[in-house]
Amino acid sequence: MSKIQSIKICDPGLMRQNEDFVASYEPTDPSALQRSGYLYIVADGVGGAARGERASEYAARKVMYEYYRLPEVEPGDRLRQIISQVNTDIFTYAEQNFTRMATTLVAAVFRENTLTVANVGDSRAYLIRDGETKQITRDHTIAGQMLRDGSISEVEARASKGKNRLFRSLGGESEVHVDIFQDIPLQPGDKILLCSDGLSRYALKEDISRLTSQGSLDEIARKLIDFANECGGEDNISVILVAFDKDEAREPTTSTEKISQASRQEAAIVHAYRTGEGKLFLEIDGERLEEGEIMTPEQRRRLVKFLIQFRPWLEATPAPRSIQRTERPSLVSVTLPENVGAENPPIKPFIGY
């Protein structure tokens, strides 16, 4: 497989609340890479405040977790099956808790020099090739449907009152149709952009072509974010930019990648507290962890195992960084940095808090 480079940024824009969530996983195991490839996800929550934030995070993490557990299923069918189940999870949870929550989601899989994309809602995937930008996904909005029907132009769609009115989302209805675009051949020099509508509400395809024509991935991603903010920044802005190059070796080329890859080799630090007075000491497989203790890779794997085993009592986000107090007595909140290590797939998420 050709060389893949990527960068992801989730910017709140001028909004206080960030309801977007981005996730990626780039396995180094040859078997996982051949059967599943690299996976990148952008989700944009709907429902306001914590509800949208919770829906987008759950959807992205759940798809990421389940995807690598079904290597025998083709990527397109796999994404359709998993995303449909995520829709059911969110819809059922919202009904049981007498609330409404939903999210958009776009996912891209790079495997064996081909691209597979899945989407629900108006988070988009673009193919940037030879200076031209093509939208792969279709917006599930009123304005998007009118654009496809030829009733309005792209410029008119941006100004339309229906540009943000979703008729399809994850959690909006009990069932959902997932759009799948598969077996898209990739060429050296191609770039794939995944983004939330915080960018696409401002950027035409010509804007994206211009902004992505020069610079490193870090610089290009920052230019896209800055462009959206300068145009108004009325929503959260999330981008994942993936470059498909000729080289077969996967070497980090950006400072973000270098830091990320280096951190995989370092021991994690655990900070533990107990509600009320005194410290909280975790004992994992007979070994006691104290505040500030450095973990070996083996201890880190044990902590992941611990989180999975005791998931109902923990608030976990994939992958161990710190353990902190929560507002509820006797509940520990565990926050983990992305990528515990390439050999560890994401931890199974859950919606409830």
Protein backbone atom coordinates (compact mmCIF):
# COMPACT_ATOMS: atom_id res chain seq x y z
CA MET A 1 0.00 0.00 0.00
CA SER A 2 1.21 3.51 -0.78
CA LYS A 3 2.27 5.95 1.86
CA ILE A 4 -0.49 7.59 3.90
CA GLN A 5 -0.09 10.84 5.81
CA SER A 6 -2.88 12.41 7.84
CA ILE A 7 -3.77 15.29 10.11
CA LYS A 8 -6.95 15.99 12.05
CA ILE A 9 -8.16 19.16 13.77
CA CYS A 10 -11.37 19.84 15.68
CA ASP A 11 -11.83 23.58 16.22
CA PRO A 12 -14.76 25.08 18.17
CA GLY A 13 -14.98 28.08 15.85
CA LEU A 14 -16.68 30.96 17.63
CA MET A 15 -19.03 28.64 19.49
CA ARG A 16 -18.71 27.83 23.20
CA GLN A 17 -19.84 24.23 22.87
CA ASN A 18 -18.02 21.79 20.62
CA GLU A 19 -20.38 19.11 19.31
CA ASP A 20 -17.96 17.78 16.67
CA PHE A 21 -15.76 14.73 17.15
CA VAL A 22 -12.94 13.36 15.00
CA ALA A 23 -11.27 9.96 15.23
CA SER A 24 -8.70 7.96 13.30
CA TYR A 25 -6.88 4.66 13.55
CA GLU A 26 -3.86 3.63 11.51
CA PRO A 27 -2.91 0.03 12.33
CA THR A 28 0.68 -1.07 11.80
CA ASP A 29 -0.06 -4.80 11.94
CA PRO A 30 0.19 -6.07 8.30
CA SER A 31 -2.82 -8.38 8.66
CA ALA A 32 -5.07 -5.65 10.10
CA LEU A 33 -3.86 -3.24 7.45
CA GLN A 34 -4.60 -5.66 4.62
CA ARG A 35 -8.03 -6.72 5.89
CA SER A 36 -9.26 -3.43 7.34
CA GLY A 37 -6.98 -0.57 6.29
CA TYR A 38 -6.91 2.91 7.85
CA LEU A 39 -10.13 4.43 9.19
CA TYR A 40 -10.95 8.15 9.60
CA ILE A 41 -14.19 9.61 11.01
CA VAL A 42 -15.79 13.03 11.43
CA ALA A 43 -19.08 13.37 13.35
CA ASP A 44 -21.13 16.50 14.04
CA GLY A 45 -23.59 16.27 16.91
CA VAL A 46 -27.18 17.53 16.76
CA GLY A 47 -29.39 18.28 19.74
CA GLY A 48 -27.64 21.06 21.58
CA ALA A 49 -25.20 21.20 24.49
CA ALA A 50 -24.11 17.83 25.89
CA ARG A 51 -26.60 15.82 23.84
CA GLY A 52 -25.00 16.55 20.48
CA GLU A 53 -21.52 16.21 21.91
CA ARG A 54 -22.39 12.85 23.42
CA ALA A 55 -23.99 11.55 20.22
CA SER A 56 -21.07 12.50 17.97
CA GLU A 57 -18.43 11.07 20.31
CA TYR A 58 -20.33 7.83 20.82
CA ALA A 59 -20.95 7.37 17.10
CA ALA A 60 -17.32 7.92 16.11
CA ARG A 61 -15.92 5.72 18.86
CA LYS A 62 -18.47 2.96 18.35
CA VAL A 63 -17.86 2.77 14.60
CA MET A 64 -14.10 2.77 15.21
CA TYR A 65 -14.34 0.02 17.82
CA GLU A 66 -16.67 -2.29 15.90
CA TYR A 67 -14.98 -1.83 12.53
CA TYR A 68 -11.78 -3.60 13.55
CA ARG A 69 -13.72 -6.45 15.15
CA LEU A 70 -15.21 -7.56 11.80
CA PRO A 71 -12.22 -8.01 9.48
CA GLU A 72 -13.97 -10.74 7.47
CA VAL A 73 -16.63 -8.30 6.18
CA GLU A 74 -15.91 -6.02 3.23
CA PRO A 75 -15.39 -2.37 4.31
CA GLY A 76 -18.53 -1.01 2.64
CA ASP A 77 -20.84 -3.66 4.09
CA ARG A 78 -19.03 -3.38 7.41
CA LEU A 79 -19.56 0.37 7.67
CA ARG A 80 -23.22 0.10 6.64
CA GLN A 81 -23.90 -2.57 9.25
CA ILE A 82 -22.09 -0.79 12.09
CA ILE A 83 -23.44 2.70 11.36
CA SER A 84 -26.99 1.32 11.21
CA GLN A 85 -26.50 -0.22 14.64
CA VAL A 86 -25.11 3.05 15.99
CA ASN A 87 -28.26 4.77 14.75
CA THR A 88 -30.38 2.27 16.68
CA ASP A 89 -28.26 2.74 19.81
CA ILE A 90 -28.60 6.53 19.81
CA PHE A 91 -32.30 6.53 18.91
CA THR A 92 -33.12 3.97 21.62
CA TYR A 93 -31.07 5.80 24.24
CA ALA A 94 -32.76 9.11 23.42
CA GLU A 95 -36.24 7.57 23.61
CA GLN A 96 -35.54 5.87 26.93
CA ASN A 97 -34.26 9.14 28.38
CA PHE A 98 -37.04 11.32 26.92
CA THR A 99 -34.71 13.49 24.91
CA ARG A 100 -33.57 14.02 21.34
CA MET A 101 -30.01 13.60 20.21
CA ALA A 102 -28.43 12.81 16.87
CA THR A 103 -25.28 13.23 14.86
CA THR A 104 -23.99 13.29 11.32
CA LEU A 105 -21.09 11.01 10.41
CA VAL A 106 -18.69 10.56 7.52
CA ALA A 107 -16.15 7.73 7.54
CA ALA A 108 -13.37 6.91 5.09
CA VAL A 109 -11.43 3.66 4.78
CA PHE A 110 -8.13 3.44 2.88
CA ARG A 111 -7.33 -0.15 1.94
CA GLU A 112 -5.21 -1.61 -0.84
CA ASN A 113 -5.01 1.68 -2.76
CA THR A 114 -8.78 2.13 -2.84
CA LEU A 115 -11.13 4.33 -0.86
CA THR A 116 -14.49 3.49 0.71
CA VAL A 117 -16.65 6.27 2.16
CA ALA A 118 -19.84 6.12 4.23
CA ASN A 119 -21.98 9.04 5.30
CA VAL A 120 -25.20 10.06 7.00
CA GLY A 121 -26.07 13.74 7.29
CA ASP A 122 -24.09 16.68 5.91
CA SER A 123 -20.52 15.98 7.04
CA ARG A 124 -18.63 15.61 3.79
CA ALA A 125 -15.82 13.76 2.02
CA TYR A 126 -13.95 15.38 -0.85
CA LEU A 127 -11.44 13.96 -3.32
CA ILE A 128 -8.76 16.49 -4.29
CA ARG A 129 -6.87 15.43 -7.42
CA ASP A 130 -4.69 17.44 -9.80
CA GLY A 131 -5.91 20.72 -8.38
CA GLU A 132 -9.60 19.87 -8.70
CA THR A 133 -11.98 19.11 -5.84
CA LYS A 134 -14.87 16.67 -6.14
CA GLN A 135 -17.45 16.04 -3.44
CA ILE A 136 -17.82 12.30 -2.88
CA THR A 137 -20.70 12.33 -0.40
CA ARG A 138 -24.24 13.69 -0.71
CA ASP A 139 -25.69 16.06 1.87
CA HIS A 140 -28.85 14.79 3.51
CA THR A 141 -30.29 18.28 3.84
CA ILE A 142 -33.17 20.09 2.12
CA ALA A 143 -30.71 22.34 0.29
CA GLY A 144 -28.56 19.36 -0.67
CA GLN A 145 -31.52 17.59 -2.24
CA MET A 146 -32.48 20.72 -4.17
CA LEU A 147 -28.90 21.00 -5.41
CA ARG A 148 -28.95 17.41 -6.67
CA ASP A 149 -32.30 18.04 -8.36
CA GLY A 150 -30.81 21.01 -10.18
CA SER A 151 -33.21 23.44 -8.54
CA ILE A 152 -30.43 25.60 -7.09
CA SER A 153 -26.69 26.16 -7.59
CA GLU A 154 -23.93 25.45 -5.07
CA VAL A 155 -23.74 29.17 -4.26
CA GLU A 156 -27.53 29.31 -3.76
CA ALA A 157 -27.43 26.19 -1.60
CA ARG A 158 -24.96 27.89 0.77
CA ALA A 159 -27.40 30.78 1.24
CA SER A 160 -30.53 28.63 1.42
CA LYS A 161 -32.59 28.46 4.62
CA GLY A 162 -32.59 24.69 4.20
CA LYS A 163 -28.80 24.32 4.17
CA ASN A 164 -28.73 23.03 7.76
CA ARG A 165 -32.09 21.24 7.82
CA LEU A 166 -31.21 17.55 8.00
CA PHE A 167 -33.66 14.94 6.78
CA ARG A 168 -31.30 12.09 7.69
CA SER A 169 -29.04 11.68 10.73
CA LEU A 170 -27.88 9.05 13.21
CA GLY A 171 -30.43 8.87 16.02
CA GLY A 172 -33.06 10.97 14.26
CA GLU A 173 -35.25 7.98 13.34
CA SER A 174 -35.42 4.32 14.34
CA GLU A 175 -33.90 3.28 10.99
CA VAL A 176 -31.45 4.99 8.69
CA HIS A 177 -30.13 4.53 5.16
CA VAL A 178 -26.34 4.77 4.99
CA ASP A 179 -24.80 6.03 1.75
CA ILE A 180 -21.79 3.95 0.71
CA PHE A 181 -19.27 4.96 -1.95
CA GLN A 182 -16.80 2.15 -2.48
CA ASP A 183 -13.94 0.91 -4.64
CA ILE A 184 -12.78 4.43 -5.47
CA PRO A 185 -9.28 4.03 -6.97
CA LEU A 186 -6.63 6.32 -5.54
CA GLN A 187 -3.70 7.87 -7.38
CA PRO A 188 -0.40 9.19 -6.01
CA GLY A 189 -0.87 12.81 -5.03
CA ASP A 190 -4.55 12.44 -4.13
CA LYS A 191 -5.85 14.09 -0.97
CA ILE A 192 -9.04 13.19 0.86
CA LEU A 193 -10.74 15.81 3.01
CA LEU A 194 -13.36 14.89 5.61
CA CYS A 195 -15.09 17.84 7.24
CA SER A 196 -18.10 18.99 9.20
CA ASP A 197 -20.43 21.67 7.87
CA GLY A 198 -18.50 24.21 9.92
CA LEU A 199 -16.16 24.31 6.89
CA SER A 200 -18.43 23.33 4.01
CA ARG A 201 -21.00 26.05 4.81
CA TYR A 202 -18.36 28.58 3.72
CA ALA A 203 -15.98 26.79 1.36
CA LEU A 204 -16.86 26.14 -2.26
CA LYS A 205 -14.96 23.44 -4.14
CA GLU A 206 -12.85 26.18 -5.75
CA ASP A 207 -11.92 27.47 -2.29
CA ILE A 208 -10.85 24.00 -1.17
CA SER A 209 -8.74 23.51 -4.32
CA ARG A 210 -7.00 26.81 -3.70
CA LEU A 211 -6.42 26.29 0.01
CA THR A 212 -5.05 22.75 -0.44
CA SER A 213 -2.77 23.49 -3.39
CA GLN A 214 0.37 24.25 -1.36
CA GLY A 215 1.88 23.55 2.04
CA SER A 216 2.30 20.65 4.44
CA LEU A 217 -0.76 18.83 5.75
CA ASP A 218 -0.52 20.78 9.01
CA GLU A 219 -0.41 24.08 7.13
CA ILE A 220 -3.25 23.14 4.80
CA ALA A 221 -5.49 21.96 7.63
CA ARG A 222 -4.84 25.18 9.55
CA LYS A 223 -5.61 27.25 6.43
CA LEU A 224 -8.97 25.49 6.10
CA ILE A 225 -9.81 26.15 9.76
CA ASP A 226 -8.71 29.80 9.51
CA PHE A 227 -10.76 30.27 6.34
CA ALA A 228 -13.94 29.08 8.07
CA ASN A 229 -13.29 31.25 11.12
CA GLU A 230 -12.58 34.30 8.99
CA CYS A 231 -15.85 33.71 7.13
CA GLY A 232 -17.80 33.78 10.38
CA GLY A 233 -16.96 30.64 12.37
CA GLU A 234 -20.65 30.13 13.19
CA ASP A 235 -20.19 26.43 13.92
CA ASN A 236 -17.56 23.97 15.08
CA ILE A 237 -15.02 23.23 12.36
CA SER A 238 -13.55 19.74 11.99
CA VAL A 239 -11.22 18.51 9.28
CA ILE A 240 -9.31 15.33 8.60
CA LEU A 241 -6.90 15.59 5.70
CA VAL A 242 -5.29 12.45 4.29
CA ALA A 243 -2.59 12.47 1.62
CA PHE A 244 -2.04 9.43 -0.58
CA ASP A 245 1.56 9.25 -1.81
CA LYS A 246 3.74 6.84 -3.72
CA ASP A 247 6.25 5.80 -1.06
CA GLU A 248 5.62 2.47 0.61
CA ALA A 249 7.26 3.36 3.92
CA ARG A 250 5.02 5.03 6.49
CA GLU A 251 7.22 7.69 8.07
CA PRO A 252 5.96 10.62 10.14
CA THR A 253 6.45 13.91 8.29
CA THR A 254 4.62 16.42 10.46
CA SER A 255 5.36 17.53 14.00
CA THR A 256 1.93 16.28 15.06
CA GLU A 257 2.63 12.82 13.66
CA LYS A 258 6.09 12.67 15.22
CA ILE A 259 4.78 13.58 18.66
CA SER A 260 1.91 11.10 18.31
CA GLN A 261 4.15 8.23 17.25
CA ALA A 262 6.76 9.00 19.90
CA SER A 263 4.10 9.01 22.61
CA ARG A 264 3.15 5.46 21.70
CA GLN A 265 6.56 4.32 22.85
CA GLU A 266 6.49 6.22 26.14
CA ALA A 267 5.05 5.02 29.40
CA ALA A 268 1.76 6.60 30.41
CA ILE A 269 1.29 8.61 33.60
CA VAL A 270 -1.70 7.96 35.81
CA HIS A 271 -3.03 10.60 38.19
CA ALA A 272 -5.54 9.11 40.63
CA TYR A 273 -7.85 10.81 43.09
CA ARG A 274 -10.76 9.78 45.31
CA THR A 275 -13.88 11.90 45.81
CA GLY A 276 -13.59 13.60 49.16
CA GLU A 277 -10.29 13.48 50.99
CA GLY A 278 -7.39 11.23 50.18
CA LYS A 279 -6.01 9.59 47.08
CA LEU A 280 -7.55 6.86 45.01
CA PHE A 281 -5.31 3.85 44.44
CA LEU A 282 -6.15 1.54 41.57
CA GLU A 283 -5.10 -2.07 41.75
CA ILE A 284 -4.88 -3.71 38.35
CA ASP A 285 -4.18 -7.41 38.13
CA GLY A 286 -2.71 -7.33 41.62
CA GLU A 287 -0.49 -4.31 40.97
CA ARG A 288 -1.22 -1.05 42.75
CA LEU A 289 -1.02 2.22 40.83
CA GLU A 290 -0.54 5.48 42.67
CA GLU A 291 -0.73 9.11 41.66
CA GLY A 292 1.99 10.05 39.18
CA GLU A 293 3.21 6.49 38.75
CA ILE A 294 4.81 5.66 35.41
CA MET A 295 3.32 2.64 33.70
CA THR A 296 5.15 0.15 31.54
CA PRO A 297 3.54 -0.90 28.24
CA GLU A 298 2.40 -4.12 29.93
CA GLN A 299 0.78 -2.20 32.78
CA ARG A 300 -0.87 0.05 30.25
CA ARG A 301 -2.40 -2.96 28.47
CA ARG A 302 -3.64 -4.20 31.83
CA LEU A 303 -5.31 -0.87 32.48
CA VAL A 304 -7.11 -1.13 29.14
CA LYS A 305 -8.28 -4.60 30.16
CA PHE A 306 -9.42 -3.16 33.50
CA LEU A 307 -11.43 -0.41 31.77
CA ILE A 308 -13.20 -2.91 29.56
CA GLN A 309 -14.01 -5.23 32.47
CA PHE A 310 -15.40 -2.47 34.68
CA ARG A 311 -16.87 -0.28 31.94
CA PRO A 312 -20.29 0.21 33.61
CA TRP A 313 -18.60 2.05 36.50
CA LEU A 314 -16.24 4.13 34.42
CA GLU A 315 -16.51 6.93 31.94
CA ALA A 316 -13.90 5.93 29.40
CA THR A 317 -12.71 7.46 26.16
CA PRO A 318 -10.43 5.31 24.03
CA ALA A 319 -7.11 4.92 24.94
CA PRO A 320 -4.89 5.80 29.58
CA ARG A 321 -3.87 9.37 30.33
CA SER A 322 -5.41 10.58 33.59
CA ILE A 323 -7.88 9.56 36.26
CA GLN A 324 -9.86 12.35 37.87
CA ARG A 325 -12.73 13.00 40.22
CA THR A 326 -16.28 13.34 38.94
CA GLU A 327 -19.22 15.15 40.49
CA ARG A 328 -20.95 11.90 41.39
CA PRO A 329 -19.67 10.01 44.45
CA SER A 330 -17.69 6.83 43.93
CA LEU A 331 -17.42 7.33 40.18
CA VAL A 332 -14.05 7.56 38.49
CA SER A 333 -13.67 9.33 35.15
CA VAL A 334 -10.85 7.95 33.03
CA THR A 335 -9.56 9.97 30.09
CA LEU A 336 -7.19 8.34 27.65
CA PRO A 337 -5.10 9.88 24.85
CA GLU A 338 -5.76 8.64 21.35
CA ASN A 339 -3.75 5.59 20.32
CA VAL A 340 -2.64 3.63 23.38
CA GLY A 341 -0.47 1.88 20.85
CA ALA A 342 -0.86 0.58 17.34
CA GLU A 343 -1.45 -2.91 18.68
CA ASN A 344 -4.43 -1.80 20.77
CA PRO A 345 -7.70 -1.08 18.91
CA PRO A 346 -10.11 1.44 20.43
CA ILE A 347 -12.01 0.57 23.59
CA LYS A 348 -15.73 -0.14 23.35
CA PRO A 349 -17.65 3.08 24.12
CA PHE A 350 -21.00 3.59 25.79
CA ILE A 351 -23.47 6.46 25.77
CA GLY A 352 -24.61 6.72 29.39
CA TYR A 353 -23.10 9.19 31.84
